[in-house]
Amino acid sequence: MRLKNKTALVTGGASGFGAGICKKFIAEGASVVVADINAESAAAMAAELGSNASSVAIDVSADTSVKACAETIKATVGDLDIVVNNAGVTHLPAELESISEADFDRVIAVNAKSLFLMSRHFIPAMKARGHGVVLNVASTAGVSPRPRLSWYNASKGFMITATRSMAVELAPYGVRVNAINPVAGETPLLKSFMGEDTPEVRAKFLSTIPLGRFSTPEDMGNAAAFLCSDEASMITGVAMEVDGGRCI
């Protein structure tokens, strides 16, 4: 029960890594707000998680939506102890110069601009209270980029640098900021990363991971629970690789 009496918000919490983080947080005693662009999926996940979970719709790339989410949570749940910025998208693998402007804009808006917007609307309350934890779900792509995913890689590199900068600035206010860097995992985004989901493509991806398997939502939940708990009270500004050795 390492998160007992703590309240957490998880964006992109209805599926994939976000769902894994929500489930682990509930198991560790937290109250969880499942935030997702798909309101029905968020509500379904909250119902699955039980009485300590609620849901809210959010488009993390839109200021009006993030602001409305913050106001709703303040009115219904109260103060947050933990904010997990997990929502993310990718473009399909392709030569960097051939990615459409629309795909580029979407990746940057959801993976990078969202961190600015979430900070704008949730950090002030943490600073005022003198404590809080922010966890950003980045990627090994920001450390060891794969070809043909250049703008996704860049967006996750932004998130890692932003994590470190936020940690330095917010430490005097008692707010810790960390990131986790998963390798490709069994989530709805896996097919988009690979371009196509075939045994051959999977084998090629797995050959780059020394432990020989993809990241799972459970892996992310375990790492997130530790970094967001008081056990990690001296840890801030790290980007923890949860990648089976991929970045070695």
C-alpha atoms as a PDB file:
ATOM      1  CA  MET A   1       0.000   0.000   0.000  1.00  0.00           C
ATOM      2  CA  ARG A   2       2.818   2.379  -0.839  1.00  0.00           C
ATOM      3  CA  LEU A   3       0.415   4.900  -2.407  1.00  0.00           C
ATOM      4  CA  LYS A   4      -2.209   4.812   0.338  1.00  0.00           C
ATOM      5  CA  ASN A   5      -4.094   8.101   0.774  1.00  0.00           C
ATOM      6  CA  LYS A   6      -2.630   9.515  -2.452  1.00  0.00           C
ATOM      7  CA  THR A   7      -4.670  10.729  -5.411  1.00  0.00           C
ATOM      8  CA  ALA A   8      -3.324  10.308  -8.931  1.00  0.00           C
ATOM      9  CA  LEU A   9      -4.278  11.426 -12.424  1.00  0.00           C
ATOM     10  CA  VAL A  10      -3.152   9.256 -15.342  1.00  0.00           C
ATOM     11  CA  THR A  11      -3.566  10.569 -18.891  1.00  0.00           C
ATOM     12  CA  GLY A  12      -4.086   7.988 -21.585  1.00  0.00           C
ATOM     13  CA  GLY A  13      -5.193   5.782 -18.721  1.00  0.00           C
ATOM     14  CA  ALA A  14      -7.837   3.763 -20.558  1.00  0.00           C
ATOM     15  CA  SER A  15      -5.457   1.394 -22.342  1.00  0.00           C
ATOM     16  CA  GLY A  16      -1.878   0.205 -22.763  1.00  0.00           C
ATOM     17  CA  PHE A  17       0.796   1.440 -20.390  1.00  0.00           C
ATOM     18  CA  GLY A  18      -1.628   3.939 -18.859  1.00  0.00           C
ATOM     19  CA  ALA A  19      -4.046   1.184 -17.881  1.00  0.00           C
ATOM     20  CA  GLY A  20      -1.184  -0.793 -16.355  1.00  0.00           C
ATOM     21  CA  ILE A  21      -0.195   2.228 -14.271  1.00  0.00           C
ATOM     22  CA  CYS A  22      -3.802   2.805 -13.146  1.00  0.00           C
ATOM     23  CA  LYS A  23      -4.210  -0.820 -12.062  1.00  0.00           C
ATOM     24  CA  LYS A  24      -0.950  -0.825 -10.099  1.00  0.00           C
ATOM     25  CA  PHE A  25      -1.767   2.476  -8.406  1.00  0.00           C
ATOM     26  CA  ILE A  26      -5.151   1.112  -7.287  1.00  0.00           C
ATOM     27  CA  ALA A  27      -3.456  -2.041  -5.973  1.00  0.00           C
ATOM     28  CA  GLU A  28      -1.041   0.168  -4.006  1.00  0.00           C
ATOM     29  CA  GLY A  29      -3.881   2.062  -2.314  1.00  0.00           C
ATOM     30  CA  ALA A  30      -4.215   5.204  -4.436  1.00  0.00           C
ATOM     31  CA  SER A  31      -7.359   6.886  -5.678  1.00  0.00           C
ATOM     32  CA  VAL A  32      -7.040   7.213  -9.450  1.00  0.00           C
ATOM     33  CA  VAL A  33      -8.564   9.501 -12.057  1.00  0.00           C
ATOM     34  CA  VAL A  34      -8.476   7.802 -15.460  1.00  0.00           C
ATOM     35  CA  ALA A  35      -8.133  10.557 -18.066  1.00  0.00           C
ATOM     36  CA  ASP A  36      -8.429   9.735 -21.747  1.00  0.00           C
ATOM     37  CA  ILE A  37      -9.517  11.292 -25.015  1.00  0.00           C
ATOM     38  CA  ASN A  38     -11.974   8.391 -25.295  1.00  0.00           C
ATOM     39  CA  ALA A  39     -14.476   9.193 -22.544  1.00  0.00           C
ATOM     40  CA  GLU A  40     -16.295   5.848 -22.839  1.00  0.00           C
ATOM     41  CA  SER A  41     -13.086   3.844 -22.528  1.00  0.00           C
ATOM     42  CA  ALA A  42     -11.989   5.958 -19.551  1.00  0.00           C
ATOM     43  CA  ALA A  43     -15.318   5.338 -17.818  1.00  0.00           C
ATOM     44  CA  ALA A  44     -15.107   1.611 -18.519  1.00  0.00           C
ATOM     45  CA  MET A  45     -11.602   1.422 -17.071  1.00  0.00           C
ATOM     46  CA  ALA A  46     -12.666   3.356 -13.975  1.00  0.00           C
ATOM     47  CA  ALA A  47     -15.592   0.961 -13.498  1.00  0.00           C
ATOM     48  CA  GLU A  48     -13.204  -1.986 -13.789  1.00  0.00           C
ATOM     49  CA  LEU A  49     -10.869  -0.457 -11.208  1.00  0.00           C
ATOM     50  CA  GLY A  50     -13.625  -0.037  -8.631  1.00  0.00           C
ATOM     51  CA  SER A  51     -14.801   2.546  -6.139  1.00  0.00           C
ATOM     52  CA  ASN A  52     -11.434   4.274  -5.766  1.00  0.00           C
ATOM     53  CA  ALA A  53     -11.384   5.244  -9.450  1.00  0.00           C
ATOM     54  CA  SER A  54     -13.151   7.896 -11.489  1.00  0.00           C
ATOM     55  CA  SER A  55     -12.808   9.105 -15.064  1.00  0.00           C
ATOM     56  CA  VAL A  56     -12.595  12.306 -17.034  1.00  0.00           C
ATOM     57  CA  ALA A  57     -12.308  13.114 -20.726  1.00  0.00           C
ATOM     58  CA  ILE A  58      -9.231  15.020 -21.846  1.00  0.00           C
ATOM     59  CA  ASP A  59      -7.490  16.045 -25.044  1.00  0.00           C
ATOM     60  CA  VAL A  60      -3.985  16.713 -23.736  1.00  0.00           C
ATOM     61  CA  SER A  61      -3.076  18.699 -26.839  1.00  0.00           C
ATOM     62  CA  ALA A  62      -5.817  21.320 -26.301  1.00  0.00           C
ATOM     63  CA  ASP A  63      -5.535  24.022 -23.651  1.00  0.00           C
ATOM     64  CA  THR A  64      -9.297  24.368 -23.177  1.00  0.00           C
ATOM     65  CA  SER A  65      -9.648  20.627 -22.570  1.00  0.00           C
ATOM     66  CA  VAL A  66      -6.752  20.426 -20.097  1.00  0.00           C
ATOM     67  CA  LYS A  67      -8.081  23.458 -18.238  1.00  0.00           C
ATOM     68  CA  ALA A  68     -11.575  21.964 -18.049  1.00  0.00           C
ATOM     69  CA  CYS A  69     -10.127  18.690 -16.808  1.00  0.00           C
ATOM     70  CA  ALA A  70      -8.199  20.476 -14.055  1.00  0.00           C
ATOM     71  CA  GLU A  71     -11.320  22.354 -12.978  1.00  0.00           C
ATOM     72  CA  THR A  72     -13.411  19.175 -12.942  1.00  0.00           C
ATOM     73  CA  ILE A  73     -10.861  17.305 -10.857  1.00  0.00           C
ATOM     74  CA  LYS A  74     -10.535  20.193  -8.412  1.00  0.00           C
ATOM     75  CA  ALA A  75     -14.298  20.262  -7.942  1.00  0.00           C
ATOM     76  CA  THR A  76     -14.886  16.502  -7.701  1.00  0.00           C
ATOM     77  CA  VAL A  77     -11.690  14.910  -6.403  1.00  0.00           C
ATOM     78  CA  GLY A  78      -9.749  17.732  -4.838  1.00  0.00           C
ATOM     79  CA  ASP A  79      -5.984  18.076  -4.762  1.00  0.00           C
ATOM     80  CA  LEU A  80      -3.751  15.697  -6.693  1.00  0.00           C
ATOM     81  CA  ASP A  81      -0.624  14.128  -5.249  1.00  0.00           C
ATOM     82  CA  ILE A  82       0.508  12.529  -8.516  1.00  0.00           C
ATOM     83  CA  VAL A  83       0.188  13.467 -12.196  1.00  0.00           C
ATOM     84  CA  VAL A  84       1.239  10.887 -14.786  1.00  0.00           C
ATOM     85  CA  ASN A  85       1.681  12.277 -18.292  1.00  0.00           C
ATOM     86  CA  ASN A  86       1.281   9.052 -20.241  1.00  0.00           C
ATOM     87  CA  ALA A  87      -0.860   9.936 -23.269  1.00  0.00           C
ATOM     88  CA  GLY A  88       1.142   9.661 -26.472  1.00  0.00           C
ATOM     89  CA  VAL A  89       0.995   8.981 -30.194  1.00  0.00           C
ATOM     90  CA  THR A  90       3.398   8.157 -32.993  1.00  0.00           C
ATOM     91  CA  HIS A  91       3.601   8.474 -36.746  1.00  0.00           C
ATOM     92  CA  LEU A  92       4.028   5.391 -38.918  1.00  0.00           C
ATOM     93  CA  PRO A  93       7.640   4.439 -39.752  1.00  0.00           C
ATOM     94  CA  ALA A  94       8.843   6.371 -42.806  1.00  0.00           C
ATOM     95  CA  GLU A  95      11.722   8.489 -44.076  1.00  0.00           C
ATOM     96  CA  LEU A  96      11.919  11.653 -42.010  1.00  0.00           C
ATOM     97  CA  GLU A  97      11.326  13.982 -44.959  1.00  0.00           C
ATOM     98  CA  SER A  98       8.208  12.107 -46.049  1.00  0.00           C
ATOM     99  CA  ILE A  99       6.221  12.455 -42.829  1.00  0.00           C
ATOM    100  CA  SER A 100       3.232  14.722 -43.407  1.00  0.00           C
ATOM    101  CA  GLU A 101       3.001  18.051 -41.635  1.00  0.00           C
ATOM    102  CA  ALA A 102      -0.285  16.932 -40.089  1.00  0.00           C
ATOM    103  CA  ASP A 103       1.341  13.822 -38.597  1.00  0.00           C
ATOM    104  CA  PHE A 104       4.281  15.884 -37.329  1.00  0.00           C
ATOM    105  CA  ASP A 105       1.971  18.442 -35.729  1.00  0.00           C
ATOM    106  CA  ARG A 106      -0.079  15.707 -34.044  1.00  0.00           C
ATOM    107  CA  VAL A 107       2.976  13.960 -32.577  1.00  0.00           C
ATOM    108  CA  ILE A 108       4.412  17.218 -31.233  1.00  0.00           C
ATOM    109  CA  ALA A 109       1.049  18.385 -29.866  1.00  0.00           C
ATOM    110  CA  VAL A 110       0.261  15.153 -28.006  1.00  0.00           C
ATOM    111  CA  ASN A 111       3.779  14.188 -26.899  1.00  0.00           C
ATOM    112  CA  ALA A 112       5.397  17.573 -26.266  1.00  0.00           C
ATOM    113  CA  LYS A 113       2.898  20.432 -26.081  1.00  0.00           C
ATOM    114  CA  SER A 114       0.793  18.354 -23.699  1.00  0.00           C
ATOM    115  CA  LEU A 115       3.541  18.483 -21.095  1.00  0.00           C
ATOM    116  CA  PHE A 116       3.476  22.285 -21.252  1.00  0.00           C
ATOM    117  CA  LEU A 117      -0.309  22.378 -20.953  1.00  0.00           C
ATOM    118  CA  MET A 118      -0.499  19.828 -18.123  1.00  0.00           C
ATOM    119  CA  SER A 119       2.191  21.724 -16.229  1.00  0.00           C
ATOM    120  CA  ARG A 120       0.379  25.010 -16.779  1.00  0.00           C
ATOM    121  CA  HIS A 121      -2.826  23.732 -15.191  1.00  0.00           C
ATOM    122  CA  PHE A 122      -1.667  21.251 -12.547  1.00  0.00           C
ATOM    123  CA  ILE A 123       1.745  22.392 -11.291  1.00  0.00           C
ATOM    124  CA  PRO A 124       0.608  25.627  -9.569  1.00  0.00           C
ATOM    125  CA  ALA A 125      -1.498  23.702  -7.042  1.00  0.00           C
ATOM    126  CA  MET A 126       1.405  21.352  -6.266  1.00  0.00           C
ATOM    127  CA  LYS A 127       3.741  24.307  -5.738  1.00  0.00           C
ATOM    128  CA  ALA A 128       1.226  25.983  -3.451  1.00  0.00           C
ATOM    129  CA  ARG A 129       0.850  22.831  -1.348  1.00  0.00           C
ATOM    130  CA  GLY A 130       4.609  22.224  -1.197  1.00  0.00           C
ATOM    131  CA  HIS A 131       4.551  18.671  -2.485  1.00  0.00           C
ATOM    132  CA  GLY A 132       3.647  16.539  -5.477  1.00  0.00           C
ATOM    133  CA  VAL A 133       5.018  14.065  -7.989  1.00  0.00           C
ATOM    134  CA  VAL A 134       4.980  14.263 -11.779  1.00  0.00           C
ATOM    135  CA  LEU A 135       5.834  11.202 -13.863  1.00  0.00           C
ATOM    136  CA  ASN A 136       6.331  11.533 -17.611  1.00  0.00           C
ATOM    137  CA  VAL A 137       6.152   8.447 -19.803  1.00  0.00           C
ATOM    138  CA  ALA A 138       8.902   9.046 -22.343  1.00  0.00           C
ATOM    139  CA  SER A 139      10.609   6.295 -24.342  1.00  0.00           C
ATOM    140  CA  THR A 140      13.892   4.623 -25.180  1.00  0.00           C
ATOM    141  CA  ALA A 141      13.319   6.366 -28.532  1.00  0.00           C
ATOM    142  CA  GLY A 142      14.487   9.565 -26.862  1.00  0.00           C
ATOM    143  CA  VAL A 143      17.767   7.915 -25.842  1.00  0.00           C
ATOM    144  CA  SER A 144      18.537   5.426 -28.617  1.00  0.00           C
ATOM    145  CA  PRO A 145      16.472   6.453 -31.658  1.00  0.00           C
ATOM    146  CA  ARG A 146      15.278   3.943 -34.223  1.00  0.00           C
ATOM    147  CA  PRO A 147      15.409   4.928 -37.911  1.00  0.00           C
ATOM    148  CA  ARG A 148      12.213   5.995 -39.661  1.00  0.00           C
ATOM    149  CA  LEU A 149      10.617   7.239 -36.427  1.00  0.00           C
ATOM    150  CA  SER A 150      12.561  10.495 -36.315  1.00  0.00           C
ATOM    151  CA  TRP A 151       9.870  12.942 -35.210  1.00  0.00           C
ATOM    152  CA  TYR A 152       8.464  10.541 -32.620  1.00  0.00           C
ATOM    153  CA  ASN A 153      12.021  10.069 -31.342  1.00  0.00           C
ATOM    154  CA  ALA A 154      12.456  13.836 -31.151  1.00  0.00           C
ATOM    155  CA  SER A 155       9.213  14.295 -29.217  1.00  0.00           C
ATOM    156  CA  LYS A 156      10.373  11.818 -26.582  1.00  0.00           C
ATOM    157  CA  GLY A 157      13.777  13.475 -26.407  1.00  0.00           C
ATOM    158  CA  PHE A 158      11.904  16.694 -25.646  1.00  0.00           C
ATOM    159  CA  MET A 159      10.047  14.943 -22.836  1.00  0.00           C
ATOM    160  CA  ILE A 160      13.257  13.647 -21.246  1.00  0.00           C
ATOM    161  CA  THR A 161      14.922  17.075 -21.312  1.00  0.00           C
ATOM    162  CA  ALA A 162      11.752  18.723 -20.041  1.00  0.00           C
ATOM    163  CA  THR A 163      11.627  16.214 -17.174  1.00  0.00           C
ATOM    164  CA  ARG A 164      15.118  17.187 -16.033  1.00  0.00           C
ATOM    165  CA  SER A 165      14.431  20.896 -16.387  1.00  0.00           C
ATOM    166  CA  MET A 166      11.164  20.634 -14.484  1.00  0.00           C
ATOM    167  CA  ALA A 167      12.884  18.646 -11.727  1.00  0.00           C
ATOM    168  CA  VAL A 168      15.514  21.326 -11.181  1.00  0.00           C
ATOM    169  CA  GLU A 169      13.010  24.168 -11.172  1.00  0.00           C
ATOM    170  CA  LEU A 170      10.375  22.501  -9.005  1.00  0.00           C
ATOM    171  CA  ALA A 171      12.622  20.849  -6.408  1.00  0.00           C
ATOM    172  CA  PRO A 172      12.617  23.917  -4.114  1.00  0.00           C
ATOM    173  CA  TYR A 173       8.805  23.643  -4.002  1.00  0.00           C
ATOM    174  CA  GLY A 174       8.882  20.003  -2.893  1.00  0.00           C
ATOM    175  CA  VAL A 175       7.722  18.692  -6.266  1.00  0.00           C
ATOM    176  CA  ARG A 176       9.561  15.740  -7.794  1.00  0.00           C
ATOM    177  CA  VAL A 177       9.583  15.062 -11.559  1.00  0.00           C
ATOM    178  CA  ASN A 178      10.784  11.835 -13.167  1.00  0.00           C
ATOM    179  CA  ALA A 179      10.299   9.887 -16.376  1.00  0.00           C
ATOM    180  CA  ILE A 180      10.197   6.262 -17.405  1.00  0.00           C
ATOM    181  CA  ASN A 181      11.524   5.075 -20.748  1.00  0.00           C
ATOM    182  CA  PRO A 182       9.768   1.936 -21.957  1.00  0.00           C
ATOM    183  CA  VAL A 183      10.819  -0.009 -24.994  1.00  0.00           C
ATOM    184  CA  ALA A 184       8.086  -0.995 -27.477  1.00  0.00           C
ATOM    185  CA  GLY A 185       5.332  -2.856 -25.657  1.00  0.00           C
ATOM    186  CA  GLU A 186       2.186  -4.877 -26.085  1.00  0.00           C
ATOM    187  CA  THR A 187      -0.035  -1.821 -26.431  1.00  0.00           C
ATOM    188  CA  PRO A 188      -2.289  -0.388 -29.157  1.00  0.00           C
ATOM    189  CA  LEU A 189       0.719   1.622 -30.443  1.00  0.00           C
ATOM    190  CA  LEU A 190       2.912  -1.425 -31.134  1.00  0.00           C
ATOM    191  CA  LYS A 191       1.666  -1.962 -34.682  1.00  0.00           C
ATOM    192  CA  SER A 192       2.195   1.740 -35.449  1.00  0.00           C
ATOM    193  CA  PHE A 193       5.817   1.564 -34.272  1.00  0.00           C
ATOM    194  CA  MET A 194       6.525  -1.508 -36.365  1.00  0.00           C
ATOM    195  CA  GLY A 195       4.570  -0.436 -39.438  1.00  0.00           C
ATOM    196  CA  GLU A 196       3.135  -3.937 -39.663  1.00  0.00           C
ATOM    197  CA  ASP A 197       2.681  -6.664 -37.076  1.00  0.00           C
ATOM    198  CA  THR A 198       4.209  -9.843 -38.488  1.00  0.00           C
ATOM    199  CA  PRO A 199       6.335 -12.561 -36.851  1.00  0.00           C
ATOM    200  CA  GLU A 200       9.333 -11.349 -38.855  1.00  0.00           C
ATOM    201  CA  VAL A 201       8.993  -7.711 -37.796  1.00  0.00           C
ATOM    202  CA  ARG A 202       8.421  -8.730 -34.174  1.00  0.00           C
ATOM    203  CA  ALA A 203      11.520 -10.904 -34.248  1.00  0.00           C
ATOM    204  CA  LYS A 204      13.566  -7.988 -35.614  1.00  0.00           C
ATOM    205  CA  PHE A 205      12.358  -5.701 -32.798  1.00  0.00           C
ATOM    206  CA  LEU A 206      12.910  -8.327 -30.126  1.00  0.00           C
ATOM    207  CA  SER A 207      16.461  -8.972 -31.349  1.00  0.00           C
ATOM    208  CA  THR A 208      17.402  -5.471 -30.102  1.00  0.00           C
ATOM    209  CA  ILE A 209      16.159  -6.152 -26.546  1.00  0.00           C
ATOM    210  CA  PRO A 210      18.651  -8.231 -24.507  1.00  0.00           C
ATOM    211  CA  LEU A 211      15.971  -9.654 -22.177  1.00  0.00           C
ATOM    212  CA  GLY A 212      14.108 -10.799 -25.270  1.00  0.00           C
ATOM    213  CA  ARG A 213      10.615  -9.435 -24.666  1.00  0.00           C
ATOM    214  CA  PHE A 214       8.556  -6.297 -25.062  1.00  0.00           C
ATOM    215  CA  SER A 215       7.687  -3.978 -22.170  1.00  0.00           C
ATOM    216  CA  THR A 216       4.325  -4.744 -20.590  1.00  0.00           C
ATOM    217  CA  PRO A 217       1.772  -2.496 -18.894  1.00  0.00           C
ATOM    218  CA  GLU A 218       2.631  -4.316 -15.663  1.00  0.00           C
ATOM    219  CA  ASP A 219       6.309  -3.365 -16.045  1.00  0.00           C
ATOM    220  CA  MET A 220       5.341   0.277 -16.393  1.00  0.00           C
ATOM    221  CA  GLY A 221       2.968   0.101 -13.443  1.00  0.00           C
ATOM    222  CA  ASN A 222       5.667  -1.347 -11.191  1.00  0.00           C
ATOM    223  CA  ALA A 223       8.234   1.303 -12.145  1.00  0.00           C
ATOM    224  CA  ALA A 224       5.690   4.109 -11.892  1.00  0.00           C
ATOM    225  CA  ALA A 225       4.485   3.012  -8.452  1.00  0.00           C
ATOM    226  CA  PHE A 226       8.021   3.119  -7.092  1.00  0.00           C
ATOM    227  CA  LEU A 227       8.937   6.500  -8.569  1.00  0.00           C
ATOM    228  CA  CYS A 228       5.668   8.055  -7.387  1.00  0.00           C
ATOM    229  CA  SER A 229       5.911   6.628  -3.873  1.00  0.00           C
ATOM    230  CA  ASP A 230       7.609   8.099  -0.825  1.00  0.00           C
ATOM    231  CA  GLU A 231      10.242   5.355  -1.177  1.00  0.00           C
ATOM    232  CA  ALA A 232      11.630   7.455  -4.054  1.00  0.00           C
ATOM    233  CA  SER A 233      11.604  10.714  -2.078  1.00  0.00           C
ATOM    234  CA  MET A 234      15.258  11.401  -2.957  1.00  0.00           C
ATOM    235  CA  ILE A 235      14.825  10.673  -6.659  1.00  0.00           C
ATOM    236  CA  THR A 236      14.064  13.484  -9.086  1.00  0.00           C
ATOM    237  CA  GLY A 237      15.128  14.297 -12.622  1.00  0.00           C
ATOM    238  CA  VAL A 238      15.769  10.698 -13.677  1.00  0.00           C
ATOM    239  CA  ALA A 239      14.614   9.030 -16.883  1.00  0.00           C
ATOM    240  CA  MET A 240      14.482   5.381 -15.820  1.00  0.00           C
ATOM    241  CA  GLU A 241      14.880   2.904 -18.662  1.00  0.00           C
ATOM    242  CA  VAL A 242      12.421   0.034 -18.309  1.00  0.00           C
ATOM    243  CA  ASP A 243      13.593  -1.596 -21.480  1.00  0.00           C
ATOM    244  CA  GLY A 244      15.140  -5.029 -20.928  1.00  0.00           C
ATOM    245  CA  GLY A 245      18.591  -3.639 -21.705  1.00  0.00           C
ATOM    246  CA  ARG A 246      17.674  -2.040 -25.046  1.00  0.00           C
ATOM    247  CA  CYS A 247      19.710   1.137 -24.371  1.00  0.00           C
ATOM    248  CA  ILE A 248      22.890  -0.581 -23.188  1.00  0.00           C
END
